Amino acid sequence: MIEETVRAPDARLARIIGELCGVAYTASVTPSLIPPHWTVSIVARASRGATPTLWVQGPSPRIRPFVRGELAWAAGVELRVASAREMLGVPLAALGALSVPLDDVWPRARVARLADGLAAASTMSARLAALHAALEAHATEARVVAASASAATIAAAVAALDRDDASVASVASGLGLSTRQMLRLFRDRVGVSPKECAALLRLTRALALLDTQDLAQVAVTAGYYDQAHMNLEFRSRLGMSPGAWRARAAA
């Protein structure tokens, strides 16, 4: 059994981070699968009685297993694409599809204070408040804004790629970029190539539609060439067909 707590960011952080989410595990949990994703998150987790650890999770092009083990709770937040690069201070391609200790990219003292604050918190709401405060302090010190030219360009590029009829070349041209400039921008600020990002966005759309449409319609709506193309993508990234994934999620 799990208990989930969600907190919306304050107005100042809303353009920098998404919702903060925490999960407390009160009983055994069946091992689960984490779908591929193109986003970057900061995650905290702790076993019962242990000091919390903090991580940065980069984009993941393939499915990942999640096994709770001795984990008592976890909390995290997704960084907005327009400001993730500034919040972490490193090119996002350096992360790869890895979990990197947060103190590899943030000041060690700040991460230690955050870990202490999370350990002292007795509720998930208090943990999310501590994480929010640390994110706000870091954003202020690093002078993170979501309104710079490159921030606006990457946000516009991702939004354009999320339209199912947009090609990488047409998006680059529409933004006044060469394909090489577009590639450098994505590696720096997203961590994957534009083509890979577009594929992950398309997969995300398909996963969201599986409960509401038949598979042929999902393929069309999500932006695949046809259902065979979608089947190939699912097997490559999820290790199973769309129908098998839908059945597993419904079980």
Foldseek 3Di string as FASTA:
>chain_A
DKDKDWDAAPPVCNLWWGIKMKIFDPDADDKDKDAFAQWKKWKWWDFPPDQIFIWIFHGGQAIDIDHCVRIGMMMMITTDLLFPLLLQVFFRLVQPRHIGGSCVRDPPVLRVVLSVQLVPDPDPVSNVVSVSVSSVVSCVVSVTDSPDPLSVLVVQLLVQLLQLVDDLCNSCVVSVHHQVVQQVSCCRRRNHGSVSSSLNSLVVQLVVCLVPDPQQVSCVRSNHPTSVRQQVSCCVRHVGGSVVVVVVVVD
